[in-house]
């Protein structure tokens, strides 16, 4: 792989992520910007979006980048309308892309993230998916589901064909979250990390981000600073090849491991009562969301390891996994009364099977394309990369619900 194609893949992943945020802003109903989650002590949708943009600006400023007027953080007293938010997203996204390009070409380190610009970008992507899940849930609770072109099956879904987006260039941001006024731009519950969803299908977003992920473990072809001495096998926060797997599969599993660690952190110590807490009549319980993660992973196992056509599951699989896979009312009725260990054991058993199967396969299998896939030709890398960022999306919802548990202490979202 030559330098320029890989560099273009990285930048294209950022442009896709940026276009997703801009389309989200354009799709939110006007009154939706003032919505807060039910029983909330938290921020409105508009303030969440402004905070996301603030993270871009914060990290850029912290690393010495020059910010245009529109790229600067939105002042808390400003009226946060659609036009102002979109303009800020465009400006900060352009600056992030320029900064990435300069650092990747020159090999200059950045502050934190072991000095690696791509690792920083991965963090921005994951954190943004986390907050999109919260925004979608907030709108749903307030009776304002996003249009079908943006939300399908409860997930944010975007198409990034530029013609449909009516964009000549896609310069709009994915966001992360700074701790304002503390010098370090990291949310306490988040760590630097790599990464559902993409209009009217997820195809283009997943294909572009999977292309980025595919090139990630081979990023040494660009001018990069020397790697840390830490072993990738001894840290959940180092993305890269892992012992026992071929290089690209190892890199994929490192992403999956990190996203899972964030879910485990979010649910640590929750009681059965808290896992069964129902925020409102349309919400999902945290326990049901954990079972949903296991269900989706099981479906991808059947499809990619066993060659089963999507949805054509054996009756035994349908009986066990269709309810958690679909969530909503059937899951609200059926999935409750279990302690945390029950859900964690299900997740572990499911993940252990995934890892055992991945150890049997190589990078050629990972790149194999399914030409009949629902949203268009898609390889196994893309499918399993989707499993990873799907968890990040639902972890955002889990954290939002957790913050509204009876007696919960106010916490940043």
Protein backbone atom coordinates (compact mmCIF):
# COMPACT_ATOMS: atom_id res chain seq x y z
CA UNK A 1 0.00 0.00 0.00
CA UNK A 2 1.48 3.38 -1.00
CA UNK A 3 1.36 6.44 1.22
CA UNK A 4 -1.23 8.45 -0.69
CA UNK A 5 -4.02 5.83 -0.95
CA UNK A 6 -3.77 5.11 2.78
CA UNK A 7 -3.69 8.79 3.66
CA UNK A 8 -6.77 9.38 1.51
CA UNK A 9 -8.60 6.52 3.27
CA UNK A 10 -7.93 8.11 6.65
CA UNK A 11 -9.09 11.54 5.53
CA UNK A 12 -12.14 10.11 3.77
CA UNK A 13 -13.18 8.37 6.99
CA UNK A 14 -13.05 11.74 8.73
CA UNK A 15 -15.08 13.40 5.96
CA UNK A 16 -17.72 10.70 6.19
CA UNK A 17 -17.97 11.08 9.95
CA UNK A 18 -18.21 14.83 9.56
CA UNK A 19 -21.00 14.55 6.99
CA UNK A 20 -22.95 12.32 9.37
CA UNK A 21 -22.95 14.96 12.07
CA UNK A 22 -24.03 17.70 9.70
CA UNK A 23 -26.89 15.59 8.37
CA UNK A 24 -27.97 14.84 11.92
CA UNK A 25 -28.14 18.55 12.71
CA UNK A 26 -30.21 19.15 9.57
CA UNK A 27 -32.66 16.35 10.46
CA UNK A 28 -33.44 17.29 14.07
CA UNK A 29 -36.90 18.95 14.34
CA UNK A 30 -36.64 22.61 15.36
CA UNK A 31 -38.16 22.06 18.78
CA UNK A 32 -35.92 19.04 19.27
CA UNK A 33 -32.88 21.23 19.93
CA UNK A 34 -34.42 22.28 23.27
CA UNK A 35 -35.25 18.74 24.39
CA UNK A 36 -33.63 17.07 27.37
CA UNK A 37 -33.86 13.38 28.34
CA UNK A 38 -36.84 12.61 30.54
CA UNK A 39 -36.16 13.05 34.25
CA UNK A 40 -33.00 14.84 33.19
CA UNK A 41 -30.62 17.11 35.00
CA UNK A 42 -28.55 17.23 31.86
CA UNK A 43 -28.11 19.25 28.71
CA UNK A 44 -30.44 20.00 25.84
CA UNK A 45 -29.77 18.41 22.46
CA UNK A 46 -28.40 21.75 21.23
CA UNK A 47 -26.00 21.98 24.16
CA UNK A 48 -24.82 18.43 23.60
CA UNK A 49 -24.05 19.29 19.99
CA UNK A 50 -22.29 22.49 21.03
CA UNK A 51 -20.21 20.55 23.53
CA UNK A 52 -19.20 18.11 20.80
CA UNK A 53 -17.96 20.95 18.62
CA UNK A 54 -16.21 22.43 21.62
CA UNK A 55 -14.17 19.26 21.93
CA UNK A 56 -12.80 19.64 18.41
CA UNK A 57 -11.81 23.20 19.13
CA UNK A 58 -10.34 22.29 22.49
CA UNK A 59 -8.08 19.55 21.19
CA UNK A 60 -7.02 21.65 18.23
CA UNK A 61 -6.18 24.66 20.39
CA UNK A 62 -4.37 22.44 22.89
CA UNK A 63 -2.16 21.22 20.06
CA UNK A 64 -1.43 24.70 18.79
CA UNK A 65 -3.71 24.75 15.75
CA UNK A 66 -5.08 28.08 14.56
CA UNK A 67 -8.85 28.36 14.74
CA UNK A 68 -11.01 30.46 12.47
CA UNK A 69 -13.80 32.46 14.05
CA UNK A 70 -16.44 29.87 13.18
CA UNK A 71 -14.27 27.00 14.43
CA UNK A 72 -13.99 28.43 17.94
CA UNK A 73 -16.14 26.97 20.73
CA UNK A 74 -19.72 28.22 20.78
CA UNK A 75 -20.27 30.52 23.75
CA UNK A 76 -22.71 29.17 26.30
CA UNK A 77 -24.89 32.29 26.08
CA UNK A 78 -25.31 32.12 22.30
CA UNK A 79 -28.61 31.04 20.81
CA UNK A 80 -27.80 27.59 19.48
CA UNK A 81 -29.85 27.33 16.32
CA UNK A 82 -29.42 24.92 13.42
CA UNK A 83 -27.52 27.40 11.24
CA UNK A 84 -25.01 28.32 13.93
CA UNK A 85 -24.35 24.70 14.90
CA UNK A 86 -23.89 23.63 11.28
CA UNK A 87 -21.48 26.49 10.58
CA UNK A 88 -19.41 25.60 13.65
CA UNK A 89 -19.30 21.93 12.67
CA UNK A 90 -18.15 22.75 9.14
CA UNK A 91 -15.40 25.07 10.30
CA UNK A 92 -14.00 22.84 13.03
CA UNK A 93 -14.14 19.78 10.77
CA UNK A 94 -12.14 21.55 8.10
CA UNK A 95 -9.54 22.51 10.70
CA UNK A 96 -9.36 18.96 12.03
CA UNK A 97 -8.79 17.61 8.52
CA UNK A 98 -6.08 20.17 7.82
CA UNK A 99 -4.42 19.35 11.13
CA UNK A 100 -4.58 15.59 10.47
CA UNK A 101 -3.11 16.00 7.00
CA UNK A 102 -0.22 18.12 8.25
CA UNK A 103 0.64 15.79 11.14
CA UNK A 104 0.35 12.60 9.08
CA UNK A 105 2.56 13.96 6.32
CA UNK A 106 5.19 15.42 8.65
CA UNK A 107 5.18 12.68 11.27
CA UNK A 108 4.88 15.26 14.06
CA UNK A 109 3.44 13.97 17.33
CA UNK A 110 0.34 15.33 19.02
CA UNK A 111 -0.28 15.74 22.72
CA UNK A 112 -1.69 12.60 24.39
CA UNK A 113 -2.87 9.52 22.46
CA UNK A 114 0.77 8.35 22.44
CA UNK A 115 1.41 11.17 20.02
CA UNK A 116 -0.51 9.47 17.19
CA UNK A 117 -2.96 11.57 15.15
CA UNK A 118 -4.94 8.58 13.90
CA UNK A 119 -5.50 7.33 17.43
CA UNK A 120 -6.83 10.78 18.29
CA UNK A 121 -9.19 10.63 15.31
CA UNK A 122 -10.38 7.19 16.43
CA UNK A 123 -11.26 8.66 19.80
CA UNK A 124 -13.26 11.45 18.18
CA UNK A 125 -15.19 8.95 16.06
CA UNK A 126 -16.05 6.69 18.98
CA UNK A 127 -17.05 9.49 21.29
CA UNK A 128 -19.32 10.99 18.66
CA UNK A 129 -21.11 7.69 18.10
CA UNK A 130 -21.60 7.54 21.87
CA UNK A 131 -23.32 10.94 21.93
CA UNK A 132 -25.40 10.29 18.82
CA UNK A 133 -26.98 7.41 20.67
CA UNK A 134 -27.89 9.73 23.52
CA UNK A 135 -29.31 12.37 21.19
CA UNK A 136 -31.44 9.81 19.35
CA UNK A 137 -32.80 8.50 22.66
CA UNK A 138 -33.55 12.01 23.89
CA UNK A 139 -35.55 12.82 20.76
CA UNK A 140 -37.40 9.51 20.94
CA UNK A 141 -38.37 10.12 24.57
CA UNK A 142 -39.80 13.49 23.60
CA UNK A 143 -41.89 12.03 20.78
CA UNK A 144 -39.64 13.24 17.97
CA UNK A 145 -38.19 10.26 16.20
CA UNK A 146 -35.76 11.17 13.49
CA UNK A 147 -36.95 10.75 9.88
CA UNK A 148 -36.65 7.26 8.41
CA UNK A 149 -33.82 8.44 6.17
CA UNK A 150 -31.82 9.16 9.31
CA UNK A 151 -33.05 6.63 11.84
CA UNK A 152 -33.85 3.02 11.00
CA UNK A 153 -34.58 0.43 13.65
CA UNK A 154 -33.72 2.86 16.46
CA UNK A 155 -30.17 3.54 15.22
CA UNK A 156 -28.78 6.61 13.46
CA UNK A 157 -28.30 5.56 9.88
CA UNK A 158 -26.62 7.67 7.27
CA UNK A 159 -25.77 7.58 3.61
CA UNK A 160 -22.63 9.44 2.67
CA UNK A 161 -22.92 9.58 -1.08
CA UNK A 162 -22.00 13.18 -1.72
CA UNK A 163 -24.63 13.59 -4.42
CA UNK A 164 -27.41 12.70 -2.00
CA UNK A 165 -25.90 14.87 0.70
CA UNK A 166 -25.61 17.66 -1.90
CA UNK A 167 -22.06 18.29 -0.81
CA UNK A 168 -19.14 19.00 -3.13
CA UNK A 169 -16.81 18.24 -0.26
CA UNK A 170 -17.58 16.72 3.12
CA UNK A 171 -15.95 18.98 5.68
CA UNK A 172 -18.00 18.53 8.82
CA UNK A 173 -16.86 17.07 12.14
CA UNK A 174 -17.05 14.01 14.33
CA UNK A 175 -16.72 15.13 17.92
CA UNK A 176 -15.15 14.21 21.24
CA UNK A 177 -15.58 15.72 24.69
CA UNK A 178 -13.23 18.06 26.56
CA UNK A 179 -13.39 18.77 30.26
CA UNK A 180 -13.79 22.51 30.00
CA UNK A 181 -11.44 24.57 32.11
CA UNK A 182 -9.30 21.63 33.19
CA UNK A 183 -6.58 21.77 30.59
CA UNK A 184 -7.03 18.11 29.61
CA UNK A 185 -9.67 17.50 26.98
CA UNK A 186 -10.82 14.07 28.07
CA UNK A 187 -14.14 13.06 29.56
CA UNK A 188 -13.40 11.14 32.73
CA UNK A 189 -15.25 8.04 31.62
CA UNK A 190 -13.64 7.91 28.19
CA UNK A 191 -10.22 6.85 27.03
CA UNK A 192 -8.60 7.36 23.61
CA UNK A 193 -9.92 4.64 21.34
CA UNK A 194 -11.03 3.68 17.88
CA UNK A 195 -14.50 3.12 17.09
CA UNK A 196 -24.37 2.25 13.54
CA UNK A 197 -24.58 3.39 11.05
CA UNK A 198 -24.90 5.31 7.94
CA UNK A 199 -29.00 7.19 4.34
CA UNK A 200 -31.44 5.25 3.61
CA UNK A 201 -28.88 2.44 4.23
CA UNK A 202 -25.69 2.21 6.26
CA UNK A 203 -23.61 1.08 3.30
CA UNK A 204 -21.39 4.03 2.51
CA UNK A 205 -20.52 4.98 6.06
CA UNK A 206 -19.61 1.44 7.05
CA UNK A 207 -17.66 0.82 3.86
CA UNK A 208 -15.66 4.02 4.29
CA UNK A 209 -14.96 3.53 7.99
CA UNK A 210 -14.09 -0.11 7.44
CA UNK A 211 -11.68 0.97 4.73
CA UNK A 212 -10.09 3.25 7.29
CA UNK A 213 -9.93 0.43 9.83
CA UNK A 214 -8.40 -1.88 7.25
CA UNK A 215 -5.54 0.52 6.73
CA UNK A 216 -5.08 1.27 10.40
CA UNK A 217 -2.69 -1.52 11.35
CA UNK A 218 -0.62 -0.70 8.29
CA UNK A 219 -0.39 2.99 9.08
CA UNK A 220 3.37 2.74 9.49
CA UNK A 221 3.65 3.45 5.77
CA UNK A 222 2.93 7.06 6.68
CA UNK A 223 5.40 9.21 8.55
CA UNK A 224 4.57 8.19 12.12
CA UNK A 225 6.39 8.74 15.41
CA UNK A 226 8.02 5.80 17.11
CA UNK A 227 5.59 3.47 18.87
CA UNK A 228 5.38 3.18 22.63
CA UNK A 229 7.21 0.35 24.31
CA UNK A 230 3.93 -0.91 25.74
CA UNK A 231 2.84 -4.27 24.37
CA UNK A 232 -0.46 -4.22 22.45
CA UNK A 233 -1.35 -7.54 24.10
CA UNK A 234 -1.14 -6.03 27.58
CA UNK A 235 -3.37 -3.01 27.08
CA UNK A 236 -6.98 -2.57 26.02
CA UNK A 237 -6.15 0.97 24.89
CA UNK A 238 -3.59 0.06 22.25
CA UNK A 239 -5.11 -0.61 18.84
CA UNK A 240 -3.07 -2.91 16.66
CA UNK A 241 -2.16 -6.54 15.89
CA UNK A 242 -2.69 -9.05 18.71
CA UNK A 243 -0.93 -12.31 19.50
CA UNK A 244 -2.80 -15.33 18.20
CA UNK A 245 -4.49 -13.48 15.33
CA UNK A 246 -3.41 -12.45 11.87
CA UNK A 247 -2.47 -8.73 11.75
CA UNK A 248 -5.73 -7.23 10.49
CA UNK A 249 -7.93 -9.53 12.57
CA UNK A 250 -5.85 -8.68 15.63
CA UNK A 251 -6.37 -4.99 14.98
CA UNK A 252 -10.11 -5.55 14.66
CA UNK A 253 -10.26 -7.51 17.94
CA UNK A 254 -8.41 -4.70 19.73
CA UNK A 255 -11.17 -2.29 18.68
CA UNK A 256 -13.85 -4.74 19.82
CA UNK A 257 -12.08 -5.22 23.15
CA UNK A 258 -11.94 -1.51 23.83
CA UNK A 259 -15.60 -0.89 23.06
CA UNK A 260 -16.55 -3.83 25.30
CA UNK A 261 -14.40 -2.45 28.14
CA UNK A 262 -16.36 0.81 27.96
CA UNK A 263 -19.66 -1.05 28.27
CA UNK A 264 -18.35 -3.01 31.26
CA UNK A 265 -17.20 0.23 32.88
CA UNK A 266 -20.61 1.82 32.36
CA UNK A 267 -22.51 -1.09 33.93
CA UNK A 268 -20.13 -1.97 36.78
CA UNK A 269 -21.92 -2.52 40.09
CA UNK A 270 -25.47 -2.09 38.79
CA UNK A 271 -28.14 -3.95 40.77
CA UNK A 272 -30.96 -5.99 39.28
CA UNK A 273 -33.35 -3.15 40.09
CA UNK A 274 -31.14 -0.69 38.23
CA UNK A 275 -30.75 -3.01 35.25
CA UNK A 276 -34.55 -3.27 35.10
CA UNK A 277 -35.15 0.47 35.47
CA UNK A 278 -37.46 1.80 32.76
CA UNK A 279 -37.01 5.50 32.07
CA UNK A 280 -40.31 5.79 30.22
CA UNK A 281 -42.82 3.69 28.32
CA UNK A 282 -40.76 3.82 25.11
CA UNK A 283 -37.30 3.27 26.57
CA UNK A 284 -35.28 0.06 26.79
CA UNK A 285 -33.90 -1.34 30.02
CA UNK A 286 -30.12 -1.48 30.46
CA UNK A 287 -30.37 -5.26 30.84
CA UNK A 288 -32.21 -5.51 27.53
CA UNK A 289 -29.56 -3.38 25.81
CA UNK A 290 -26.84 -5.75 27.07
CA UNK A 291 -28.76 -8.73 25.70
CA UNK A 292 -29.20 -6.82 22.44
CA UNK A 293 -25.43 -6.51 22.07
CA UNK A 294 -25.07 -10.26 22.49
CA UNK A 295 -27.91 -10.92 20.03
CA UNK A 296 -26.40 -8.75 17.30
CA UNK A 297 -22.99 -10.37 17.76
CA UNK A 298 -24.61 -13.82 17.54
CA UNK A 299 -26.31 -12.89 14.27
CA UNK A 300 -22.98 -11.77 12.79
CA UNK A 301 -21.37 -15.01 13.94
CA UNK A 302 -23.98 -17.02 12.09
CA UNK A 303 -23.67 -14.90 8.99
CA UNK A 304 -19.89 -14.59 8.72
CA UNK A 305 -18.69 -17.86 10.29
CA UNK A 306 -21.47 -20.25 9.23
CA UNK A 307 -22.62 -18.59 6.02
CA UNK A 308 -26.26 -18.25 7.15
CA UNK A 309 -28.21 -15.65 5.17
CA UNK A 310 -29.19 -12.70 7.34
CA UNK A 311 -32.53 -13.33 9.02
CA UNK A 312 -32.69 -16.99 7.98
CA UNK A 313 -31.76 -18.22 11.44
CA UNK A 314 -32.69 -21.64 12.78
CA UNK A 315 -35.84 -21.67 14.94
CA UNK A 316 -33.76 -22.26 18.06
CA UNK A 317 -31.80 -19.07 17.38
CA UNK A 318 -34.95 -17.07 16.68
CA UNK A 319 -36.55 -18.23 19.91
CA UNK A 320 -33.52 -17.16 21.95
CA UNK A 321 -32.38 -14.00 20.19
CA UNK A 322 -35.22 -12.40 18.21
CA UNK A 323 -36.63 -10.56 21.24
CA UNK A 324 -33.34 -9.01 22.43
CA UNK A 325 -32.37 -8.44 18.82
CA UNK A 326 -35.50 -6.37 18.19
CA UNK A 327 -35.77 -4.60 21.58
CA UNK A 328 -38.80 -2.33 22.23
CA UNK A 329 -42.06 -3.71 23.68
CA UNK A 330 -41.33 -7.47 23.51
CA UNK A 331 -37.99 -6.90 25.24
CA UNK A 332 -39.55 -4.59 27.84
CA UNK A 333 -41.88 -7.40 28.84
CA UNK A 334 -39.51 -10.35 28.63
CA UNK A 335 -36.04 -9.17 29.66
CA UNK A 336 -35.99 -8.32 33.35
CA UNK A 337 -35.28 -9.90 36.71
CA UNK A 338 -31.68 -10.89 35.94
CA UNK A 339 -28.60 -9.77 37.85
CA UNK A 340 -25.53 -8.21 36.24
CA UNK A 341 -23.55 -11.47 36.25
CA UNK A 342 -26.23 -13.05 34.10
CA UNK A 343 -25.79 -10.46 31.36
CA UNK A 344 -22.00 -10.37 31.65
CA UNK A 345 -21.80 -14.16 31.31
CA UNK A 346 -23.95 -14.04 28.17
CA UNK A 347 -21.72 -11.32 26.71
CA UNK A 348 -18.55 -13.23 27.62
CA UNK A 349 -19.77 -16.51 26.18
CA UNK A 350 -20.74 -14.77 22.97
CA UNK A 351 -17.44 -12.90 22.68
CA UNK A 352 -15.37 -15.99 23.52
CA UNK A 353 -16.99 -17.80 20.61
CA UNK A 354 -16.29 -14.84 18.31
CA UNK A 355 -12.61 -14.72 19.26
CA UNK A 356 -12.22 -18.50 18.94
CA UNK A 357 -13.64 -18.37 15.43
CA UNK A 358 -11.53 -15.37 14.44
CA UNK A 359 -8.37 -17.21 15.52
CA UNK A 360 -9.17 -19.86 12.90
CA UNK A 361 -9.33 -17.30 10.09
CA UNK A 362 -6.89 -15.08 8.24
CA UNK A 363 -6.83 -11.63 6.69
CA UNK A 364 -7.90 -12.96 3.31
CA UNK A 365 -11.14 -14.17 4.90
CA UNK A 366 -11.53 -10.80 6.63
CA UNK A 367 -11.38 -8.99 3.30
CA UNK A 368 -13.74 -11.41 1.52
CA UNK A 369 -16.72 -9.52 0.05
CA UNK A 370 -20.36 -10.52 0.42
CA UNK A 371 -21.84 -9.26 -2.85
CA UNK A 372 -25.41 -10.01 -1.76
CA UNK A 373 -25.34 -8.05 1.51
CA UNK A 374 -28.40 -5.89 2.14
CA UNK A 375 -26.75 -2.49 1.81
CA UNK A 376 -24.43 -3.55 -1.01
CA UNK A 377 -21.13 -5.45 -1.41
CA UNK A 378 -19.57 -5.63 2.06
CA UNK A 379 -16.58 -7.50 3.45
CA UNK A 380 -16.24 -9.32 6.75
CA UNK A 381 -14.07 -6.54 8.11
CA UNK A 382 -16.89 -4.07 7.61
CA UNK A 383 -19.42 -6.38 9.27
CA UNK A 384 -17.33 -6.90 12.39
CA UNK A 385 -16.23 -3.29 12.55
CA UNK A 386 -19.95 -2.50 12.68
CA UNK A 387 -20.29 -4.79 15.72
CA UNK A 388 -17.66 -2.68 17.51
CA UNK A 389 -19.12 0.76 16.83
CA UNK A 390 -22.65 -0.58 17.43
CA UNK A 391 -21.60 -1.16 21.04
CA UNK A 392 -20.31 2.40 21.31
CA UNK A 393 -23.68 3.73 20.15
CA UNK A 394 -25.62 1.72 22.76
CA UNK A 395 -23.09 2.49 25.48
CA UNK A 396 -24.08 6.12 25.06
CA UNK A 397 -27.71 5.15 25.71
CA UNK A 398 -26.72 3.01 28.70
CA UNK A 399 -24.84 5.90 30.28
CA UNK A 400 -27.75 8.27 29.71
CA UNK A 401 -30.17 5.85 31.43
CA UNK A 402 -27.69 5.21 34.23
CA UNK A 403 -27.51 8.94 34.91
CA UNK A 404 -31.29 9.01 35.45
CA UNK A 405 -31.50 6.10 37.88
CA UNK A 406 -33.23 7.01 41.15
CA UNK A 407 -30.61 8.59 43.40
CA UNK A 408 -28.00 8.84 40.67
CA UNK A 409 -25.46 11.61 41.04
CA UNK A 410 -25.32 14.18 38.25
CA UNK A 411 -22.63 13.24 35.76
CA UNK A 412 -21.46 14.56 32.39
CA UNK A 413 -23.06 12.85 29.39
